[in-house]
Amino acid sequence: MLRLESLTKREHEILDKLVTGVTYKAIATDFNISVHTVNNHIRKIYEKMQVCSRAEAVAKAMGVR
């Protein structure tokens, strides 16, 4: 079972951006962090959600909400 509670506040914020279709570069700009840091957050999100792609993460996130 997917538990979004395991995501940190920043991971939730980034996941929300992914759901709305924002690019990694734009996410980095929005949060004033590097694209590398965005990639690290997204890797952790995928691990916690047990998915392998943005499409899977978005589908799961939308299914939970």
PDB file of N, CA and C in Angstrom:
ATOM      1  N   MET A   1       0.839  -1.196   0.000  1.00  0.00           N
ATOM      2  CA  MET A   1       0.000   0.000   0.000  1.00  0.00           C
ATOM      3  C   MET A   1       0.877   1.250   0.000  1.00  0.00           C
ATOM      4  N   LEU A   2       0.520   2.209  -0.810  1.00  0.00           N
ATOM      5  CA  LEU A   2       1.275   3.454  -0.916  1.00  0.00           C
ATOM      6  C   LEU A   2       1.008   4.331   0.293  1.00  0.00           C
ATOM      7  N   ARG A   3       2.101   4.783   0.916  1.00  0.00           N
ATOM      8  CA  ARG A   3       1.970   5.668   2.064  1.00  0.00           C
ATOM      9  C   ARG A   3       2.720   6.957   1.772  1.00  0.00           C
ATOM     10  N   LEU A   4       1.984   7.950   1.346  1.00  0.00           N
ATOM     11  CA  LEU A   4       2.610   9.225   1.031  1.00  0.00           C
ATOM     12  C   LEU A   4       3.108   9.926   2.291  1.00  0.00           C
ATOM     13  N   GLU A   5       2.672   9.469   3.463  1.00  0.00           N
ATOM     14  CA  GLU A   5       3.136  10.066   4.708  1.00  0.00           C
ATOM     15  C   GLU A   5       4.639   9.873   4.895  1.00  0.00           C
ATOM     16  N   SER A   6       5.206   8.878   4.231  1.00  0.00           N
ATOM     17  CA  SER A   6       6.640   8.617   4.372  1.00  0.00           C
ATOM     18  C   SER A   6       7.491   9.638   3.608  1.00  0.00           C
ATOM     19  N   LEU A   7       6.860  10.420   2.743  1.00  0.00           N
ATOM     20  CA  LEU A   7       7.593  11.442   2.003  1.00  0.00           C
ATOM     21  C   LEU A   7       7.826  12.663   2.891  1.00  0.00           C
ATOM     22  N   THR A   8       8.982  13.294   2.707  1.00  0.00           N
ATOM     23  CA  THR A   8       9.267  14.530   3.432  1.00  0.00           C
ATOM     24  C   THR A   8       8.443  15.674   2.832  1.00  0.00           C
ATOM     25  N   LYS A   9       8.430  16.798   3.521  1.00  0.00           N
ATOM     26  CA  LYS A   9       7.706  17.967   3.017  1.00  0.00           C
ATOM     27  C   LYS A   9       8.228  18.358   1.633  1.00  0.00           C
ATOM     28  N   ARG A  10       9.541  18.401   1.473  1.00  0.00           N
ATOM     29  CA  ARG A  10      10.127  18.780   0.182  1.00  0.00           C
ATOM     30  C   ARG A  10       9.777  17.752  -0.889  1.00  0.00           C
ATOM     31  N   GLU A  11       9.797  16.475  -0.544  1.00  0.00           N
ATOM     32  CA  GLU A  11       9.434  15.437  -1.508  1.00  0.00           C
ATOM     33  C   GLU A  11       7.983  15.598  -1.945  1.00  0.00           C
ATOM     34  N   HIS A  12       7.093  15.945  -1.013  1.00  0.00           N
ATOM     35  CA  HIS A  12       5.694  16.215  -1.366  1.00  0.00           C
ATOM     36  C   HIS A  12       5.608  17.399  -2.325  1.00  0.00           C
ATOM     37  N   GLU A  13       6.373  18.445  -2.042  1.00  0.00           N
ATOM     38  CA  GLU A  13       6.353  19.631  -2.900  1.00  0.00           C
ATOM     39  C   GLU A  13       6.830  19.286  -4.306  1.00  0.00           C
ATOM     40  N   ILE A  14       7.883  18.495  -4.390  1.00  0.00           N
ATOM     41  CA  ILE A  14       8.420  18.101  -5.699  1.00  0.00           C
ATOM     42  C   ILE A  14       7.451  17.175  -6.418  1.00  0.00           C
ATOM     43  N   LEU A  15       6.847  16.238  -5.695  1.00  0.00           N
ATOM     44  CA  LEU A  15       5.862  15.344  -6.300  1.00  0.00           C
ATOM     45  C   LEU A  15       4.690  16.147  -6.855  1.00  0.00           C
ATOM     46  N   ASP A  16       4.236  17.154  -6.129  1.00  0.00           N
ATOM     47  CA  ASP A  16       3.157  18.015  -6.633  1.00  0.00           C
ATOM     48  C   ASP A  16       3.550  18.674  -7.953  1.00  0.00           C
ATOM     49  N   LYS A  17       4.804  19.115  -8.039  1.00  0.00           N
ATOM     50  CA  LYS A  17       5.290  19.723  -9.286  1.00  0.00           C
ATOM     51  C   LYS A  17       5.316  18.690 -10.417  1.00  0.00           C
ATOM     52  N   LEU A  18       5.743  17.459 -10.104  1.00  0.00           N
ATOM     53  CA  LEU A  18       5.774  16.396 -11.117  1.00  0.00           C
ATOM     54  C   LEU A  18       4.369  16.127 -11.645  1.00  0.00           C
ATOM     55  N   VAL A  19       3.402  16.084 -10.734  1.00  0.00           N
ATOM     56  CA  VAL A  19       2.017  15.810 -11.116  1.00  0.00           C
ATOM     57  C   VAL A  19       1.494  16.874 -12.075  1.00  0.00           C
ATOM     58  N   THR A  20       1.920  18.114 -11.887  1.00  0.00           N
ATOM     59  CA  THR A  20       1.440  19.195 -12.754  1.00  0.00           C
ATOM     60  C   THR A  20       2.277  19.363 -14.016  1.00  0.00           C
ATOM     61  N   GLY A  21       3.304  18.516 -14.192  1.00  0.00           N
ATOM     62  CA  GLY A  21       4.064  18.509 -15.432  1.00  0.00           C
ATOM     63  C   GLY A  21       5.254  19.449 -15.489  1.00  0.00           C
ATOM     64  N   VAL A  22       5.695  19.944 -14.347  1.00  0.00           N
ATOM     65  CA  VAL A  22       6.829  20.866 -14.312  1.00  0.00           C
ATOM     66  C   VAL A  22       8.128  20.099 -14.588  1.00  0.00           C
ATOM     67  N   THR A  23       9.033  20.687 -15.356  1.00  0.00           N
ATOM     68  CA  THR A  23      10.309  20.039 -15.672  1.00  0.00           C
ATOM     69  C   THR A  23      11.243  20.055 -14.466  1.00  0.00           C
ATOM     70  N   TYR A  24      12.241  19.168 -14.495  1.00  0.00           N
ATOM     71  CA  TYR A  24      13.222  19.112 -13.409  1.00  0.00           C
ATOM     72  C   TYR A  24      13.952  20.448 -13.273  1.00  0.00           C
ATOM     73  N   LYS A  25      14.289  21.047 -14.402  1.00  0.00           N
ATOM     74  CA  LYS A  25      15.003  22.330 -14.373  1.00  0.00           C
ATOM     75  C   LYS A  25      14.139  23.419 -13.742  1.00  0.00           C
ATOM     76  N   ALA A  26      12.861  23.440 -14.077  1.00  0.00           N
ATOM     77  CA  ALA A  26      11.946  24.434 -13.498  1.00  0.00           C
ATOM     78  C   ALA A  26      11.747  24.192 -12.005  1.00  0.00           C
ATOM     79  N   ILE A  27      11.696  22.922 -11.602  1.00  0.00           N
ATOM     80  CA  ILE A  27      11.587  22.593 -10.174  1.00  0.00           C
ATOM     81  C   ILE A  27      12.811  23.135  -9.446  1.00  0.00           C
ATOM     82  N   ALA A  28      13.978  22.909 -10.019  1.00  0.00           N
ATOM     83  CA  ALA A  28      15.224  23.403  -9.414  1.00  0.00           C
ATOM     84  C   ALA A  28      15.178  24.922  -9.257  1.00  0.00           C
ATOM     85  N   THR A  29      14.721  25.596 -10.274  1.00  0.00           N
ATOM     86  CA  THR A  29      14.619  27.055 -10.226  1.00  0.00           C
ATOM     87  C   THR A  29      13.605  27.494  -9.164  1.00  0.00           C
ATOM     88  N   ASP A  30      12.450  26.845  -9.133  1.00  0.00           N
ATOM     89  CA  ASP A  30      11.395  27.200  -8.167  1.00  0.00           C
ATOM     90  C   ASP A  30      11.877  27.098  -6.725  1.00  0.00           C
ATOM     91  N   PHE A  31      12.685  26.066  -6.435  1.00  0.00           N
ATOM     92  CA  PHE A  31      13.128  25.833  -5.060  1.00  0.00           C
ATOM     93  C   PHE A  31      14.550  26.328  -4.804  1.00  0.00           C
ATOM     94  N   ASN A  32      15.137  26.959  -5.818  1.00  0.00           N
ATOM     95  CA  ASN A  32      16.503  27.481  -5.704  1.00  0.00           C
ATOM     96  C   ASN A  32      17.500  26.389  -5.278  1.00  0.00           C
ATOM     97  N   ILE A  33      17.390  25.244  -5.960  1.00  0.00           N
ATOM     98  CA  ILE A  33      18.302  24.121  -5.740  1.00  0.00           C
ATOM     99  C   ILE A  33      18.818  23.665  -7.100  1.00  0.00           C
ATOM    100  N   SER A  34      19.843  22.818  -7.090  1.00  0.00           N
ATOM    101  CA  SER A  34      20.393  22.338  -8.359  1.00  0.00           C
ATOM    102  C   SER A  34      19.526  21.219  -8.941  1.00  0.00           C
ATOM    103  N   VAL A  35      19.677  21.010 -10.236  1.00  0.00           N
ATOM    104  CA  VAL A  35      18.973  19.912 -10.894  1.00  0.00           C
ATOM    105  C   VAL A  35      19.435  18.580 -10.296  1.00  0.00           C
ATOM    106  N   HIS A  36      20.702  18.496  -9.920  1.00  0.00           N
ATOM    107  CA  HIS A  36      21.227  17.294  -9.274  1.00  0.00           C
ATOM    108  C   HIS A  36      20.463  17.005  -7.975  1.00  0.00           C
ATOM    109  N   THR A  37      20.194  18.035  -7.196  1.00  0.00           N
ATOM    110  CA  THR A  37      19.438  17.859  -5.950  1.00  0.00           C
ATOM    111  C   THR A  37      18.008  17.427  -6.250  1.00  0.00           C
ATOM    112  N   VAL A  38      17.410  17.988  -7.287  1.00  0.00           N
ATOM    113  CA  VAL A  38      16.067  17.566  -7.704  1.00  0.00           C
ATOM    114  C   VAL A  38      16.091  16.080  -8.050  1.00  0.00           C
ATOM    115  N   ASN A  39      17.098  15.658  -8.810  1.00  0.00           N
ATOM    116  CA  ASN A  39      17.215  14.235  -9.172  1.00  0.00           C
ATOM    117  C   ASN A  39      17.332  13.356  -7.934  1.00  0.00           C
ATOM    118  N   ASN A  40      18.080  13.804  -6.937  1.00  0.00           N
ATOM    119  CA  ASN A  40      18.208  13.036  -5.697  1.00  0.00           C
ATOM    120  C   ASN A  40      16.865  12.911  -4.985  1.00  0.00           C
ATOM    121  N   HIS A  41      16.122  14.009  -4.911  1.00  0.00           N
ATOM    122  CA  HIS A  41      14.793  13.970  -4.283  1.00  0.00           C
ATOM    123  C   HIS A  41      13.873  13.018  -5.046  1.00  0.00           C
ATOM    124  N   ILE A  42      13.912  13.097  -6.352  1.00  0.00           N
ATOM    125  CA  ILE A  42      13.035  12.260  -7.175  1.00  0.00           C
ATOM    126  C   ILE A  42      13.402  10.784  -7.030  1.00  0.00           C
ATOM    127  N   ARG A  43      14.692  10.491  -6.950  1.00  0.00           N
ATOM    128  CA  ARG A  43      15.121   9.104  -6.739  1.00  0.00           C
ATOM    129  C   ARG A  43      14.544   8.576  -5.425  1.00  0.00           C
ATOM    130  N   LYS A  44      14.591   9.392  -4.372  1.00  0.00           N
ATOM    131  CA  LYS A  44      14.040   8.992  -3.068  1.00  0.00           C
ATOM    132  C   LYS A  44      12.525   8.813  -3.141  1.00  0.00           C
ATOM    133  N   ILE A  45      11.863   9.713  -3.867  1.00  0.00           N
ATOM    134  CA  ILE A  45      10.410   9.600  -4.043  1.00  0.00           C
ATOM    135  C   ILE A  45      10.073   8.280  -4.725  1.00  0.00           C
ATOM    136  N   TYR A  46      10.788   7.954  -5.802  1.00  0.00           N
ATOM    137  CA  TYR A  46      10.551   6.706  -6.527  1.00  0.00           C
ATOM    138  C   TYR A  46      10.764   5.501  -5.619  1.00  0.00           C
ATOM    139  N   GLU A  47      11.834   5.534  -4.813  1.00  0.00           N
ATOM    140  CA  GLU A  47      12.102   4.438  -3.868  1.00  0.00           C
ATOM    141  C   GLU A  47      10.946   4.250  -2.909  1.00  0.00           C
ATOM    142  N   LYS A  48      10.527   5.333  -2.296  1.00  0.00           N
ATOM    143  CA  LYS A  48       9.466   5.271  -1.287  1.00  0.00           C
ATOM    144  C   LYS A  48       8.129   4.870  -1.892  1.00  0.00           C
ATOM    145  N   MET A  49       7.881   5.288  -3.137  1.00  0.00           N
ATOM    146  CA  MET A  49       6.625   4.959  -3.803  1.00  0.00           C
ATOM    147  C   MET A  49       6.698   3.614  -4.518  1.00  0.00           C
ATOM    148  N   GLN A  50       7.894   3.045  -4.596  1.00  0.00           N
ATOM    149  CA  GLN A  50       8.143   1.776  -5.282  1.00  0.00           C
ATOM    150  C   GLN A  50       7.710   1.839  -6.751  1.00  0.00           C
ATOM    151  N   VAL A  51       8.232   2.879  -7.432  1.00  0.00           N
ATOM    152  CA  VAL A  51       7.979   3.064  -8.860  1.00  0.00           C
ATOM    153  C   VAL A  51       9.309   3.257  -9.575  1.00  0.00           C
ATOM    154  N   CYS A  52       9.270   3.193 -10.899  1.00  0.00           N
ATOM    155  CA  CYS A  52      10.494   3.316 -11.697  1.00  0.00           C
ATOM    156  C   CYS A  52      10.477   4.493 -12.664  1.00  0.00           C
ATOM    157  N   SER A  53       9.371   5.239 -12.708  1.00  0.00           N
ATOM    158  CA  SER A  53       9.295   6.331 -13.671  1.00  0.00           C
ATOM    159  C   SER A  53       8.398   7.450 -13.162  1.00  0.00           C
ATOM    160  N   ARG A  54       8.536   8.586 -13.815  1.00  0.00           N
ATOM    161  CA  ARG A  54       7.697   9.743 -13.492  1.00  0.00           C
ATOM    162  C   ARG A  54       6.226   9.397 -13.720  1.00  0.00           C
ATOM    163  N   ALA A  55       5.935   8.715 -14.824  1.00  0.00           N
ATOM    164  CA  ALA A  55       4.549   8.364 -15.151  1.00  0.00           C
ATOM    165  C   ALA A  55       3.938   7.493 -14.056  1.00  0.00           C
ATOM    166  N   GLU A  56       4.690   6.511 -13.585  1.00  0.00           N
ATOM    167  CA  GLU A  56       4.192   5.662 -12.510  1.00  0.00           C
ATOM    168  C   GLU A  56       3.969   6.438 -11.222  1.00  0.00           C
ATOM    169  N   ALA A  57       4.904   7.328 -10.891  1.00  0.00           N
ATOM    170  CA  ALA A  57       4.796   8.126  -9.672  1.00  0.00           C
ATOM    171  C   ALA A  57       3.573   9.031  -9.741  1.00  0.00           C
ATOM    172  N   VAL A  58       3.358   9.675 -10.886  1.00  0.00           N
ATOM    173  CA  VAL A  58       2.212  10.564 -11.053  1.00  0.00           C
ATOM    174  C   VAL A  58       0.903   9.759 -10.968  1.00  0.00           C
ATOM    175  N   ALA A  59       0.871   8.615 -11.626  1.00  0.00           N
ATOM    176  CA  ALA A  59      -0.345   7.786 -11.609  1.00  0.00           C
ATOM    177  C   ALA A  59      -0.666   7.346 -10.183  1.00  0.00           C
ATOM    178  N   LYS A  60       0.348   6.908  -9.443  1.00  0.00           N
ATOM    179  CA  LYS A  60       0.125   6.487  -8.062  1.00  0.00           C
ATOM    180  C   LYS A  60      -0.317   7.659  -7.191  1.00  0.00           C
ATOM    181  N   ALA A  61       0.343   8.790  -7.367  1.00  0.00           N
ATOM    182  CA  ALA A  61       0.010   9.974  -6.564  1.00  0.00           C
ATOM    183  C   ALA A  61      -1.424  10.417  -6.836  1.00  0.00           C
ATOM    184  N   MET A  62      -1.829  10.395  -8.080  1.00  0.00           N
ATOM    185  CA  MET A  62      -3.175  10.820  -8.425  1.00  0.00           C
ATOM    186  C   MET A  62      -4.200   9.808  -7.925  1.00  0.00           C
ATOM    187  N   GLY A  63      -3.849   8.543  -7.889  1.00  0.00           N
ATOM    188  CA  GLY A  63      -4.741   7.521  -7.387  1.00  0.00           C
ATOM    189  C   GLY A  63      -4.965   7.600  -5.890  1.00  0.00           C
ATOM    190  N   VAL A  64      -3.973   8.108  -5.183  1.00  0.00           N
ATOM    191  CA  VAL A  64      -4.056   8.216  -3.726  1.00  0.00           C
ATOM    192  C   VAL A  64      -4.863   9.431  -3.317  1.00  0.00           C
ATOM    193  N   ARG A  65      -4.769  10.484  -4.079  1.00  0.00           N
ATOM    194  CA  ARG A  65      -5.398  11.758  -3.690  1.00  0.00           C
ATOM    195  C   ARG A  65      -6.838  11.715  -3.912  1.00  0.00           C
TER     196      ARG A  65
END
